[in-house]
C-alpha cells in the first residue's frame, strides 16, 4: 500500500493509495524535535532500539512541506511504473528519495541506496537488507535485524517545518511497533511511522523530553 502522512503546521493527514484516509480531529503542535541523529527505515533510529519490520518497503520520499492531494495522487500513479530515470514527480521541498523502481537508486551488491535528490543522503543496507524481485521491486526486511540507515543524519525541525513522509509498504508479520520510517532526534524525541498489532499504520510524535505522545491512525484499511 502507498502510505503518506503530512503535517501542514496544524493538522496531520493520512493518505492510502492516493486517497485521503483520515485527518486529525484537532490541531497539533509537534513540539521541538530536531531530527539530527538517525533516520531508520525498517527499524527505529539507528537500529539500536529494535522494533524491526518483517515486510517490504519501497519508494521512500521525505518533503519539507505538506503535499497537496493532487501531488500525492501524482506520486502514487508515477510510482506504479519502473523507470530508467527519475519519474515526473513534485520536486519542490523534496529532501530525501529512495526508489527501487529507478535503476540508479538501488545497489544491493554495493550495500547502499542512493538518494535521488542529489542531497547525498545515502542509505546503508544493514545486516542483509535484500532487493525483492521480480516486480514490484522493493527492499525486503526480515524482522530480526535488517534496516536501512540514512547517513548523514537527515536534518530538519518539524516544529517549524511542514513535512510529508511517504512510502510503499507491506507488512508480512503483524506486530505492534514494527517501524516503517523513524526520524530520530539528537536528544530525546522522534517522529515514527509504525504498525499496530492489528496491522494498521500509526504516526507518533515524541517531542524533546518525551513530554507527549500523539497517535493518529489509518482508518480504512490495514497494510498487512
N, C-alpha and C. Protein backbone atom coordinates (compact mmCIF):
# COMPACT_ATOMS: atom_id res chain seq x y z
N UNK A 1 0.84 -1.20 0.00
CA UNK A 1 0.00 0.00 0.00
C UNK A 1 0.88 1.25 0.00
N UNK A 2 0.36 2.28 -0.60
CA UNK A 2 1.07 3.55 -0.65
C UNK A 2 0.60 4.40 0.52
N UNK A 3 1.52 4.68 1.44
CA UNK A 3 1.20 5.39 2.68
C UNK A 3 1.84 6.76 2.65
N UNK A 4 1.06 7.78 2.97
CA UNK A 4 1.56 9.15 3.04
C UNK A 4 1.02 9.80 4.31
N UNK A 5 1.90 10.48 5.04
CA UNK A 5 1.38 11.33 6.11
C UNK A 5 1.98 12.72 5.96
N UNK A 6 1.11 13.72 6.15
CA UNK A 6 1.53 15.11 6.01
C UNK A 6 1.21 15.89 7.28
N UNK A 7 1.97 16.95 7.49
CA UNK A 7 1.69 17.91 8.57
C UNK A 7 1.83 19.30 7.99
N UNK A 8 0.77 20.09 8.08
CA UNK A 8 0.77 21.42 7.46
C UNK A 8 0.90 22.55 8.47
N UNK A 9 1.38 22.21 9.66
CA UNK A 9 1.51 23.19 10.73
C UNK A 9 0.34 23.17 11.69
N UNK A 10 -0.75 22.50 11.29
CA UNK A 10 -1.94 22.41 12.13
C UNK A 10 -2.49 20.99 12.22
N UNK A 11 -2.66 20.35 11.07
CA UNK A 11 -3.32 19.04 11.04
C UNK A 11 -2.41 17.97 10.44
N UNK A 12 -2.56 16.77 10.99
CA UNK A 12 -1.91 15.59 10.42
C UNK A 12 -2.93 14.88 9.54
N UNK A 13 -2.51 14.52 8.34
CA UNK A 13 -3.40 13.83 7.41
C UNK A 13 -2.74 12.55 6.92
N UNK A 14 -3.55 11.49 6.86
CA UNK A 14 -3.13 10.21 6.32
C UNK A 14 -3.72 10.01 4.94
N UNK A 15 -2.94 9.43 4.04
CA UNK A 15 -3.43 9.06 2.72
C UNK A 15 -3.04 7.61 2.46
N UNK A 16 -3.95 6.86 1.88
CA UNK A 16 -3.67 5.49 1.47
C UNK A 16 -4.00 5.35 -0.02
N UNK A 17 -3.02 4.86 -0.78
CA UNK A 17 -3.20 4.62 -2.21
C UNK A 17 -3.76 5.84 -2.94
N UNK A 18 -3.22 7.01 -2.62
CA UNK A 18 -3.58 8.23 -3.32
C UNK A 18 -4.88 8.88 -2.90
N UNK A 19 -5.50 8.38 -1.82
CA UNK A 19 -6.76 8.94 -1.34
C UNK A 19 -6.63 9.35 0.13
N UNK A 20 -7.28 10.46 0.49
CA UNK A 20 -7.30 10.88 1.88
C UNK A 20 -8.00 9.83 2.72
N UNK A 21 -7.32 9.37 3.78
CA UNK A 21 -7.86 8.32 4.64
C UNK A 21 -8.40 8.89 5.94
N UNK A 22 -7.64 9.78 6.58
CA UNK A 22 -8.10 10.35 7.84
C UNK A 22 -7.35 11.65 8.13
N UNK A 23 -7.97 12.47 8.94
CA UNK A 23 -7.40 13.75 9.35
C UNK A 23 -7.49 13.85 10.86
N UNK A 24 -6.47 14.39 11.50
CA UNK A 24 -6.50 14.54 12.95
C UNK A 24 -7.71 15.39 13.35
N UNK A 25 -8.33 15.01 14.46
CA UNK A 25 -9.54 15.68 14.89
C UNK A 25 -9.31 17.06 15.47
N UNK A 26 -8.09 17.38 15.77
CA UNK A 26 -7.76 18.69 16.33
C UNK A 26 -6.38 19.10 15.82
N UNK A 27 -6.05 20.36 16.02
CA UNK A 27 -4.74 20.83 15.60
C UNK A 27 -3.67 20.26 16.50
N UNK A 28 -2.47 20.13 15.95
CA UNK A 28 -1.35 19.56 16.67
C UNK A 28 -0.21 20.57 16.76
N UNK A 29 0.47 20.55 17.86
CA UNK A 29 1.76 21.22 18.00
C UNK A 29 2.79 20.12 18.15
N UNK A 30 3.60 19.94 17.13
CA UNK A 30 4.54 18.83 17.14
C UNK A 30 5.52 18.95 18.30
N UNK A 31 5.92 20.17 18.64
CA UNK A 31 6.93 20.35 19.67
C UNK A 31 8.32 20.36 19.06
N UNK A 32 9.29 20.59 19.87
CA UNK A 32 10.65 20.73 19.37
C UNK A 32 11.29 19.36 19.17
N UNK A 33 11.48 19.00 17.92
CA UNK A 33 12.17 17.76 17.57
C UNK A 33 13.12 18.11 16.44
N UNK A 34 14.38 18.24 16.74
CA UNK A 34 15.37 18.49 15.70
C UNK A 34 15.95 17.16 15.25
N UNK A 35 15.52 16.71 14.08
CA UNK A 35 15.94 15.40 13.58
C UNK A 35 17.39 15.51 13.11
N UNK A 36 18.29 14.95 13.88
CA UNK A 36 19.71 15.08 13.53
C UNK A 36 20.53 13.90 14.00
N UNK A 37 19.87 12.84 14.45
CA UNK A 37 20.61 11.72 15.00
C UNK A 37 20.62 10.53 14.04
N UNK A 38 19.44 10.05 13.68
CA UNK A 38 19.42 8.90 12.78
C UNK A 38 18.05 8.71 12.18
N UNK A 39 18.03 8.44 10.89
CA UNK A 39 16.79 8.10 10.22
C UNK A 39 16.87 6.63 9.86
N UNK A 40 15.91 5.86 10.34
CA UNK A 40 15.90 4.43 10.09
C UNK A 40 14.70 4.03 9.26
N UNK A 41 14.91 3.13 8.32
CA UNK A 41 13.84 2.54 7.54
C UNK A 41 13.82 1.05 7.86
N UNK A 42 12.70 0.58 8.38
CA UNK A 42 12.60 -0.81 8.79
C UNK A 42 13.02 -1.07 10.21
N UNK A 43 13.48 -0.03 10.92
CA UNK A 43 13.87 -0.15 12.32
C UNK A 43 13.88 1.25 12.94
N UNK A 44 13.79 1.31 14.24
CA UNK A 44 13.76 2.61 14.90
C UNK A 44 15.16 3.21 14.97
N UNK A 45 15.27 4.46 14.47
CA UNK A 45 16.54 5.19 14.54
C UNK A 45 17.67 4.43 13.89
N UNK A 46 18.75 4.31 14.58
CA UNK A 46 19.93 3.63 14.05
C UNK A 46 19.88 2.13 14.27
N UNK A 47 18.72 1.61 14.63
CA UNK A 47 18.58 0.18 14.81
C UNK A 47 18.81 -0.29 16.22
N UNK A 48 19.36 0.56 17.10
CA UNK A 48 19.68 0.12 18.45
C UNK A 48 18.43 -0.10 19.28
N UNK A 49 17.29 0.48 18.87
CA UNK A 49 16.05 0.32 19.63
C UNK A 49 15.19 -0.82 19.11
N UNK A 50 15.63 -1.44 18.03
CA UNK A 50 14.91 -2.59 17.51
C UNK A 50 13.64 -2.19 16.79
N UNK A 51 12.53 -2.85 17.18
CA UNK A 51 11.23 -2.63 16.55
C UNK A 51 11.33 -2.85 15.04
N UNK A 52 11.84 -4.03 14.69
CA UNK A 52 12.15 -4.35 13.31
C UNK A 52 10.91 -4.73 12.52
N UNK A 53 10.93 -4.40 11.24
CA UNK A 53 9.85 -4.72 10.33
C UNK A 53 10.11 -6.04 9.61
N UNK A 54 9.11 -6.90 9.57
CA UNK A 54 9.12 -8.07 8.71
C UNK A 54 8.18 -7.74 7.55
N UNK A 55 8.77 -7.30 6.43
CA UNK A 55 7.94 -6.90 5.31
C UNK A 55 8.73 -6.18 4.24
N UNK A 56 8.04 -5.40 3.42
CA UNK A 56 8.64 -4.76 2.26
C UNK A 56 8.39 -3.25 2.30
N UNK A 57 9.38 -2.49 1.82
CA UNK A 57 9.26 -1.03 1.71
C UNK A 57 9.93 -0.60 0.41
N UNK A 58 9.34 0.39 -0.25
CA UNK A 58 9.97 0.99 -1.42
C UNK A 58 9.46 2.42 -1.57
N UNK A 59 10.09 3.17 -2.48
CA UNK A 59 9.62 4.50 -2.84
C UNK A 59 9.55 5.49 -1.71
N UNK A 60 10.57 5.53 -0.85
CA UNK A 60 10.56 6.44 0.29
C UNK A 60 10.85 7.88 -0.15
N UNK A 61 9.97 8.80 0.25
CA UNK A 61 10.16 10.22 -0.05
C UNK A 61 9.90 11.04 1.21
N UNK A 62 10.77 12.02 1.46
CA UNK A 62 10.58 12.99 2.54
C UNK A 62 10.62 14.39 1.95
N UNK A 63 9.57 15.15 2.21
CA UNK A 63 9.46 16.53 1.75
C UNK A 63 9.45 17.48 2.94
N UNK A 64 10.00 18.67 2.75
CA UNK A 64 9.97 19.69 3.80
C UNK A 64 8.76 20.61 3.61
N UNK A 65 7.66 20.04 3.15
CA UNK A 65 6.39 20.75 3.03
C UNK A 65 5.28 19.71 2.95
N UNK A 66 4.04 20.16 3.14
CA UNK A 66 2.89 19.25 3.04
C UNK A 66 2.42 19.20 1.59
N UNK A 67 2.46 18.03 0.98
CA UNK A 67 1.98 17.88 -0.39
C UNK A 67 0.46 18.02 -0.44
N UNK A 68 -0.04 18.45 -1.60
CA UNK A 68 -1.47 18.51 -1.83
C UNK A 68 -1.98 17.15 -2.25
N UNK A 69 -3.30 16.98 -2.24
CA UNK A 69 -3.89 15.71 -2.66
C UNK A 69 -3.53 15.40 -4.11
N UNK A 70 -3.57 16.39 -4.98
CA UNK A 70 -3.25 16.15 -6.39
C UNK A 70 -1.80 15.71 -6.55
N UNK A 71 -0.88 16.28 -5.76
CA UNK A 71 0.52 15.87 -5.81
C UNK A 71 0.69 14.45 -5.31
N UNK A 72 -0.03 14.11 -4.27
CA UNK A 72 0.05 12.75 -3.73
C UNK A 72 -0.49 11.74 -4.73
N UNK A 73 -1.58 12.08 -5.39
CA UNK A 73 -2.12 11.20 -6.43
C UNK A 73 -1.12 11.02 -7.56
N UNK A 74 -0.45 12.11 -7.95
CA UNK A 74 0.57 12.03 -8.99
C UNK A 74 1.69 11.08 -8.58
N UNK A 75 2.19 11.20 -7.37
CA UNK A 75 3.26 10.32 -6.91
C UNK A 75 2.79 8.87 -6.87
N UNK A 76 1.55 8.65 -6.45
CA UNK A 76 1.01 7.29 -6.40
C UNK A 76 1.00 6.67 -7.80
N UNK A 77 0.53 7.42 -8.78
CA UNK A 77 0.46 6.90 -10.14
C UNK A 77 1.84 6.73 -10.77
N UNK A 78 2.75 7.66 -10.51
CA UNK A 78 4.10 7.58 -11.08
C UNK A 78 4.89 6.42 -10.47
N UNK A 79 4.66 6.15 -9.19
CA UNK A 79 5.43 5.11 -8.51
C UNK A 79 5.03 3.71 -8.95
N UNK A 80 3.96 3.57 -9.68
CA UNK A 80 3.49 2.26 -10.08
C UNK A 80 4.21 1.72 -11.32
N UNK A 81 5.20 2.45 -11.80
CA UNK A 81 5.91 2.07 -13.03
C UNK A 81 7.42 2.04 -12.78
N UNK A 82 8.12 1.18 -13.49
CA UNK A 82 9.58 1.11 -13.40
C UNK A 82 10.21 2.11 -14.37
N UNK A 83 11.30 2.76 -13.93
CA UNK A 83 11.91 3.82 -14.73
C UNK A 83 13.42 3.63 -14.86
N UNK A 84 13.94 4.13 -15.99
CA UNK A 84 15.39 4.23 -16.16
C UNK A 84 15.92 5.48 -15.48
N UNK A 85 15.07 6.51 -15.34
CA UNK A 85 15.45 7.76 -14.69
C UNK A 85 14.32 8.21 -13.78
N UNK A 86 14.52 9.33 -13.09
CA UNK A 86 13.54 9.79 -12.10
C UNK A 86 12.22 10.12 -12.80
N UNK A 87 11.10 9.61 -12.31
CA UNK A 87 9.80 9.92 -12.92
C UNK A 87 9.40 11.37 -12.68
N UNK A 88 8.31 11.78 -13.30
CA UNK A 88 7.82 13.15 -13.16
C UNK A 88 7.05 13.25 -11.84
N UNK A 89 7.69 13.81 -10.83
CA UNK A 89 7.09 13.97 -9.52
C UNK A 89 7.36 15.38 -9.02
N UNK A 90 6.61 15.87 -8.03
CA UNK A 90 6.92 17.18 -7.44
C UNK A 90 8.31 17.14 -6.80
N UNK A 91 9.12 18.13 -7.12
CA UNK A 91 10.48 18.17 -6.57
C UNK A 91 10.68 19.31 -5.57
N UNK A 92 9.75 20.27 -5.53
CA UNK A 92 9.87 21.35 -4.56
C UNK A 92 9.78 20.81 -3.14
N UNK A 93 10.82 21.04 -2.35
CA UNK A 93 10.86 20.55 -0.98
C UNK A 93 11.26 19.11 -0.84
N UNK A 94 11.54 18.41 -1.95
CA UNK A 94 11.94 17.00 -1.87
C UNK A 94 13.33 16.91 -1.28
N UNK A 95 13.44 16.29 -0.12
CA UNK A 95 14.70 16.28 0.63
C UNK A 95 15.40 14.93 0.63
N UNK A 96 14.63 13.85 0.49
CA UNK A 96 15.20 12.51 0.51
C UNK A 96 14.33 11.62 -0.37
N UNK A 97 14.96 10.80 -1.22
CA UNK A 97 14.19 9.99 -2.16
C UNK A 97 14.96 8.73 -2.49
N UNK A 98 14.45 7.57 -2.03
CA UNK A 98 14.94 6.26 -2.44
C UNK A 98 13.84 5.58 -3.24
N UNK A 99 14.20 4.95 -4.35
CA UNK A 99 13.18 4.30 -5.16
C UNK A 99 13.77 3.08 -5.85
N UNK A 100 13.30 1.90 -5.47
CA UNK A 100 13.79 0.66 -6.07
C UNK A 100 13.32 0.49 -7.51
N UNK A 101 12.38 1.33 -7.97
CA UNK A 101 11.93 1.27 -9.35
C UNK A 101 12.72 2.20 -10.27
N UNK A 102 13.71 2.86 -9.72
CA UNK A 102 14.63 3.68 -10.51
C UNK A 102 16.01 3.03 -10.40
N UNK A 103 16.55 2.61 -11.53
CA UNK A 103 17.77 1.80 -11.52
C UNK A 103 18.93 2.45 -10.78
N UNK A 104 19.03 3.78 -10.87
CA UNK A 104 20.17 4.47 -10.27
C UNK A 104 20.04 4.64 -8.76
N UNK A 105 18.93 4.21 -8.17
CA UNK A 105 18.72 4.43 -6.73
C UNK A 105 19.16 3.27 -5.87
N UNK A 106 19.17 2.06 -6.43
CA UNK A 106 19.49 0.92 -5.58
C UNK A 106 20.73 0.19 -6.09
N UNK A 107 21.45 -0.37 -5.13
CA UNK A 107 22.61 -1.20 -5.46
C UNK A 107 22.83 -2.17 -4.31
N UNK A 108 22.07 -3.26 -4.33
CA UNK A 108 22.16 -4.21 -3.23
C UNK A 108 23.55 -4.82 -3.14
N UNK A 109 24.24 -4.97 -4.28
CA UNK A 109 25.58 -5.54 -4.25
C UNK A 109 26.57 -4.60 -3.58
N UNK A 110 26.33 -3.28 -3.75
CA UNK A 110 27.22 -2.29 -3.12
C UNK A 110 26.82 -2.01 -1.68
N UNK A 111 25.64 -2.46 -1.29
CA UNK A 111 25.22 -2.33 0.10
C UNK A 111 24.66 -0.98 0.47
N UNK A 112 24.14 -0.21 -0.49
CA UNK A 112 23.55 1.07 -0.14
C UNK A 112 22.45 1.46 -1.13
N UNK A 113 21.59 2.39 -0.67
CA UNK A 113 20.58 3.01 -1.52
C UNK A 113 21.02 4.43 -1.83
N UNK A 114 20.88 4.86 -3.07
CA UNK A 114 21.30 6.19 -3.49
C UNK A 114 20.14 7.17 -3.41
N UNK A 115 20.38 8.31 -2.77
CA UNK A 115 19.40 9.38 -2.68
C UNK A 115 19.30 10.08 -4.03
N UNK A 116 18.10 10.05 -4.63
CA UNK A 116 17.91 10.60 -5.97
C UNK A 116 17.76 12.12 -5.98
N UNK A 117 17.71 12.76 -4.83
CA UNK A 117 17.57 14.22 -4.80
C UNK A 117 18.87 14.94 -5.08
N UNK A 118 20.00 14.25 -4.95
CA UNK A 118 21.29 14.90 -5.06
C UNK A 118 21.77 15.46 -3.74
N UNK A 119 21.00 15.23 -2.66
CA UNK A 119 21.40 15.71 -1.33
C UNK A 119 22.37 14.77 -0.63
N UNK A 120 22.65 13.64 -1.26
CA UNK A 120 23.67 12.70 -0.78
C UNK A 120 23.33 12.05 0.56
N UNK A 121 22.03 11.80 0.80
CA UNK A 121 21.64 11.03 1.98
C UNK A 121 21.65 9.54 1.62
N UNK A 122 22.83 8.96 1.65
CA UNK A 122 22.97 7.56 1.30
C UNK A 122 22.33 6.67 2.36
N UNK A 123 21.77 5.57 1.92
CA UNK A 123 21.15 4.63 2.85
C UNK A 123 21.91 3.33 2.89
N UNK A 124 22.53 3.03 4.03
CA UNK A 124 23.28 1.77 4.18
C UNK A 124 22.32 0.62 4.41
N UNK A 125 22.48 -0.45 3.63
CA UNK A 125 21.65 -1.64 3.80
C UNK A 125 22.31 -2.52 4.85
N UNK A 126 21.76 -2.47 6.06
CA UNK A 126 22.40 -3.09 7.22
C UNK A 126 21.88 -4.52 7.43
N UNK A 127 22.82 -5.44 7.66
CA UNK A 127 22.51 -6.83 8.01
C UNK A 127 21.73 -7.58 6.94
N UNK A 128 22.01 -7.26 5.69
CA UNK A 128 21.48 -8.07 4.61
C UNK A 128 20.11 -7.68 4.09
N UNK A 129 19.77 -6.40 4.15
CA UNK A 129 18.53 -5.95 3.50
C UNK A 129 18.61 -6.35 2.03
N UNK A 130 17.59 -7.05 1.56
CA UNK A 130 17.63 -7.61 0.21
C UNK A 130 16.71 -6.84 -0.73
N UNK A 131 17.00 -6.92 -2.03
CA UNK A 131 16.12 -6.36 -3.04
C UNK A 131 15.20 -7.47 -3.51
N UNK A 132 13.91 -7.30 -3.30
CA UNK A 132 12.93 -8.32 -3.69
C UNK A 132 12.64 -8.21 -5.18
N UNK A 133 12.73 -9.35 -5.86
CA UNK A 133 12.39 -9.46 -7.27
C UNK A 133 11.45 -10.64 -7.45
N UNK A 134 10.62 -10.76 -8.50
CA UNK A 134 10.50 -9.79 -9.59
C UNK A 134 9.65 -8.60 -9.19
N UNK A 135 9.01 -7.96 -10.18
CA UNK A 135 8.21 -6.76 -9.93
C UNK A 135 7.04 -7.08 -9.00
N UNK A 136 6.63 -6.15 -8.16
CA UNK A 136 7.27 -4.84 -7.95
C UNK A 136 8.51 -4.98 -7.08
N UNK A 137 9.59 -4.32 -7.47
CA UNK A 137 10.82 -4.38 -6.70
C UNK A 137 10.66 -3.57 -5.41
N UNK A 138 11.26 -4.06 -4.35
CA UNK A 138 11.20 -3.35 -3.08
C UNK A 138 12.29 -3.92 -2.16
N UNK A 139 12.56 -3.21 -1.09
CA UNK A 139 13.51 -3.70 -0.10
C UNK A 139 12.79 -4.67 0.84
N UNK A 140 13.45 -5.77 1.13
CA UNK A 140 12.88 -6.81 1.98
C UNK A 140 13.59 -6.82 3.33
N UNK A 141 12.80 -6.78 4.41
CA UNK A 141 13.32 -6.75 5.78
C UNK A 141 12.86 -8.02 6.50
N UNK A 142 13.79 -8.66 7.24
CA UNK A 142 13.49 -9.97 7.80
C UNK A 142 12.85 -9.94 9.18
N UNK A 143 12.67 -8.75 9.78
CA UNK A 143 12.03 -8.65 11.08
C UNK A 143 12.94 -8.97 12.24
N UNK A 144 14.20 -9.28 11.96
CA UNK A 144 15.15 -9.64 13.02
C UNK A 144 16.20 -8.57 13.23
N UNK A 145 16.92 -8.21 12.16
CA UNK A 145 17.98 -7.21 12.34
C UNK A 145 18.22 -6.35 11.10
N UNK A 146 17.41 -6.51 10.06
CA UNK A 146 17.60 -5.72 8.84
C UNK A 146 17.06 -4.31 8.99
N UNK A 147 17.75 -3.34 8.45
CA UNK A 147 17.23 -1.99 8.36
C UNK A 147 18.11 -1.16 7.43
N UNK A 148 17.60 0.00 7.01
CA UNK A 148 18.36 0.96 6.23
C UNK A 148 18.69 2.15 7.11
N UNK A 149 19.96 2.49 7.17
CA UNK A 149 20.42 3.62 7.98
C UNK A 149 20.81 4.78 7.08
N UNK A 150 20.14 5.92 7.25
CA UNK A 150 20.42 7.09 6.44
C UNK A 150 21.63 7.82 6.99
N UNK A 151 22.55 8.18 6.09
CA UNK A 151 23.76 8.90 6.50
C UNK A 151 24.16 9.89 5.41
N UNK A 152 24.50 11.15 5.76
CA UNK A 152 24.48 11.70 7.11
C UNK A 152 23.06 11.81 7.64
N UNK A 153 22.93 12.10 8.93
CA UNK A 153 21.61 12.16 9.53
C UNK A 153 20.75 13.21 8.83
N UNK A 154 19.54 12.81 8.47
CA UNK A 154 18.61 13.73 7.83
C UNK A 154 18.21 14.79 8.84
N UNK A 155 18.35 16.05 8.48
CA UNK A 155 18.21 17.12 9.47
C UNK A 155 17.09 18.10 9.11
N UNK A 156 16.09 18.19 9.97
CA UNK A 156 15.08 19.25 9.88
C UNK A 156 14.33 19.30 11.21
N UNK A 157 13.60 20.38 11.43
CA UNK A 157 12.86 20.56 12.67
C UNK A 157 11.38 20.64 12.36
N UNK A 158 10.62 19.57 12.58
CA UNK A 158 9.20 19.56 12.22
C UNK A 158 8.34 20.51 13.05
N UNK A 159 8.89 21.04 14.13
CA UNK A 159 8.13 22.01 14.91
C UNK A 159 8.06 23.35 14.20
N UNK A 160 8.95 23.56 13.23
CA UNK A 160 8.95 24.81 12.47
C UNK A 160 8.80 24.58 10.97
N UNK A 161 8.72 23.33 10.55
CA UNK A 161 8.68 22.99 9.12
C UNK A 161 7.53 22.02 8.84
N UNK A 162 6.68 22.35 7.87
CA UNK A 162 5.69 21.39 7.39
C UNK A 162 6.44 20.22 6.75
N UNK A 163 5.82 19.06 6.66
CA UNK A 163 6.53 17.93 6.08
C UNK A 163 5.57 16.91 5.50
N UNK A 164 6.13 16.06 4.66
CA UNK A 164 5.44 14.90 4.10
C UNK A 164 6.40 13.73 4.15
N UNK A 165 5.92 12.59 4.61
CA UNK A 165 6.69 11.36 4.60
C UNK A 165 5.85 10.30 3.90
N UNK A 166 6.45 9.59 2.96
CA UNK A 166 5.67 8.60 2.22
C UNK A 166 6.52 7.39 1.87
N UNK A 167 5.84 6.26 1.66
CA UNK A 167 6.50 5.04 1.19
C UNK A 167 5.43 4.04 0.77
N UNK A 168 5.86 3.06 -0.01
CA UNK A 168 5.07 1.87 -0.26
C UNK A 168 5.46 0.84 0.79
N UNK A 169 4.49 0.13 1.35
CA UNK A 169 4.82 -0.82 2.41
C UNK A 169 3.84 -1.99 2.42
N UNK A 170 4.38 -3.15 2.79
CA UNK A 170 3.56 -4.32 3.08
C UNK A 170 4.15 -5.02 4.29
N UNK A 171 3.30 -5.32 5.26
CA UNK A 171 3.73 -6.00 6.48
C UNK A 171 3.42 -7.48 6.34
N UNK A 172 4.44 -8.32 6.53
CA UNK A 172 4.26 -9.77 6.44
C UNK A 172 3.87 -10.38 7.78
N UNK A 173 4.57 -9.97 8.84
CA UNK A 173 4.25 -10.42 10.18
C UNK A 173 3.69 -9.25 10.97
N UNK A 174 2.41 -9.31 11.31
CA UNK A 174 1.75 -8.21 12.01
C UNK A 174 2.17 -8.23 13.48
N UNK A 175 2.71 -7.10 13.93
CA UNK A 175 3.07 -6.96 15.34
C UNK A 175 3.06 -5.49 15.71
N UNK A 176 2.96 -5.23 16.98
CA UNK A 176 2.92 -3.86 17.46
C UNK A 176 4.30 -3.22 17.38
N UNK A 177 4.35 -1.96 16.98
CA UNK A 177 5.58 -1.17 16.97
C UNK A 177 6.62 -1.65 15.97
N UNK A 178 6.21 -2.25 14.87
CA UNK A 178 7.15 -2.54 13.79
C UNK A 178 7.35 -1.26 12.99
N UNK A 179 8.59 -0.81 12.89
CA UNK A 179 8.88 0.51 12.31
C UNK A 179 8.93 0.47 10.79
N UNK A 180 8.22 1.42 10.17
CA UNK A 180 8.37 1.65 8.75
C UNK A 180 9.44 2.71 8.52
N UNK A 181 9.22 3.92 9.04
CA UNK A 181 10.20 5.00 8.95
C UNK A 181 10.27 5.69 10.31
N UNK A 182 11.48 5.93 10.79
CA UNK A 182 11.68 6.61 12.07
C UNK A 182 12.71 7.72 11.89
N UNK A 183 12.36 8.91 12.31
CA UNK A 183 13.28 10.05 12.28
C UNK A 183 13.63 10.39 13.72
N UNK A 184 14.88 10.16 14.09
CA UNK A 184 15.32 10.23 15.48
C UNK A 184 16.03 11.55 15.75
N UNK A 185 15.67 12.19 16.86
CA UNK A 185 16.32 13.44 17.26
C UNK A 185 17.67 13.14 17.89
N UNK A 186 18.52 14.19 17.97
CA UNK A 186 19.84 14.03 18.55
C UNK A 186 19.75 13.78 20.05
N UNK A 187 18.71 14.31 20.70
CA UNK A 187 18.44 14.01 22.10
C UNK A 187 17.19 13.18 22.18
N UNK A 188 16.34 13.46 23.17
CA UNK A 188 15.07 12.76 23.26
C UNK A 188 14.15 13.24 22.14
N UNK A 189 13.29 12.36 21.69
CA UNK A 189 12.30 12.75 20.71
C UNK A 189 12.47 12.08 19.37
N UNK A 190 11.35 11.90 18.66
CA UNK A 190 11.39 11.30 17.34
C UNK A 190 10.03 11.43 16.68
N UNK A 191 10.01 11.18 15.39
CA UNK A 191 8.78 11.00 14.63
C UNK A 191 8.81 9.59 14.08
N UNK A 192 7.71 8.86 14.25
CA UNK A 192 7.68 7.46 13.85
C UNK A 192 6.47 7.15 12.99
N UNK A 193 6.69 6.36 11.97
CA UNK A 193 5.62 5.72 11.21
C UNK A 193 5.77 4.23 11.49
N UNK A 194 4.77 3.64 12.14
CA UNK A 194 4.93 2.25 12.59
C UNK A 194 3.59 1.54 12.53
N UNK A 195 3.60 0.24 12.80
CA UNK A 195 2.39 -0.57 12.71
C UNK A 195 1.80 -0.85 14.10
N UNK A 196 0.52 -1.16 14.10
CA UNK A 196 -0.14 -1.62 15.32
C UNK A 196 -0.28 -3.13 15.26
N UNK A 197 -0.73 -3.71 16.36
CA UNK A 197 -0.91 -5.16 16.42
C UNK A 197 -2.04 -5.64 15.51
N UNK A 198 -2.85 -4.70 15.02
CA UNK A 198 -3.93 -5.04 14.09
C UNK A 198 -3.52 -4.84 12.64
N UNK A 199 -2.28 -4.38 12.41
CA UNK A 199 -1.79 -4.21 11.06
C UNK A 199 -2.07 -2.85 10.45
N UNK A 200 -2.53 -1.90 11.26
CA UNK A 200 -2.76 -0.54 10.77
C UNK A 200 -1.48 0.28 10.97
N UNK A 201 -1.44 1.43 10.29
CA UNK A 201 -0.29 2.31 10.40
C UNK A 201 -0.60 3.43 11.39
N UNK A 202 0.37 3.79 12.20
CA UNK A 202 0.23 4.86 13.18
C UNK A 202 1.33 5.89 13.00
N UNK A 203 1.04 7.11 13.38
CA UNK A 203 2.02 8.19 13.45
C UNK A 203 2.22 8.53 14.93
N UNK A 204 3.49 8.69 15.32
CA UNK A 204 3.79 9.04 16.71
C UNK A 204 4.78 10.19 16.73
N UNK A 205 4.47 11.19 17.52
CA UNK A 205 5.36 12.33 17.73
C UNK A 205 5.80 12.33 19.18
N UNK A 206 7.11 12.33 19.38
CA UNK A 206 7.66 12.38 20.74
C UNK A 206 8.61 13.56 20.84
N UNK A 207 8.11 14.71 21.31
CA UNK A 207 8.97 15.90 21.42
C UNK A 207 10.11 15.70 22.40
N UNK A 208 11.08 16.60 22.32
CA UNK A 208 12.23 16.52 23.22
C UNK A 208 11.75 16.47 24.66
N UNK A 209 12.34 15.58 25.43
CA UNK A 209 11.94 15.40 26.81
C UNK A 209 10.85 14.36 26.97
N UNK A 210 10.32 13.90 25.82
CA UNK A 210 9.30 12.85 25.87
C UNK A 210 8.02 13.30 26.56
N UNK A 211 7.68 14.60 26.45
CA UNK A 211 6.56 15.15 27.20
C UNK A 211 5.22 14.58 26.74
N UNK A 212 5.04 14.40 25.45
CA UNK A 212 3.75 13.94 24.95
C UNK A 212 3.96 12.91 23.85
N UNK A 213 2.93 12.13 23.64
CA UNK A 213 2.89 11.20 22.52
C UNK A 213 1.57 11.40 21.80
N UNK A 214 1.60 11.58 20.51
CA UNK A 214 0.37 11.75 19.75
C UNK A 214 0.23 10.60 18.78
N UNK A 215 -0.97 10.11 18.65
CA UNK A 215 -1.23 8.97 17.77
C UNK A 215 -2.35 9.33 16.80
N UNK A 216 -2.11 9.13 15.55
CA UNK A 216 -3.15 9.28 14.54
C UNK A 216 -3.05 8.07 13.63
N UNK A 217 -4.12 7.31 13.52
CA UNK A 217 -4.06 6.03 12.83
C UNK A 217 -4.82 6.06 11.51
N UNK A 218 -4.36 5.21 10.56
CA UNK A 218 -5.16 4.96 9.38
C UNK A 218 -6.46 4.30 9.81
N UNK A 219 -7.52 4.52 9.05
CA UNK A 219 -8.83 4.02 9.45
C UNK A 219 -9.46 3.05 8.46
N UNK A 220 -9.13 3.20 7.18
CA UNK A 220 -9.90 2.47 6.18
C UNK A 220 -9.36 1.06 5.91
N UNK A 221 -8.07 0.85 6.11
CA UNK A 221 -7.52 -0.44 5.70
C UNK A 221 -6.17 -0.69 6.38
N UNK A 222 -5.93 -1.95 6.70
CA UNK A 222 -4.63 -2.34 7.24
C UNK A 222 -3.62 -2.42 6.11
N UNK A 223 -2.33 -2.48 6.46
CA UNK A 223 -1.28 -2.55 5.45
C UNK A 223 -0.62 -3.92 5.42
N UNK A 224 -1.26 -4.90 6.05
CA UNK A 224 -0.73 -6.26 6.04
C UNK A 224 -1.29 -7.04 4.88
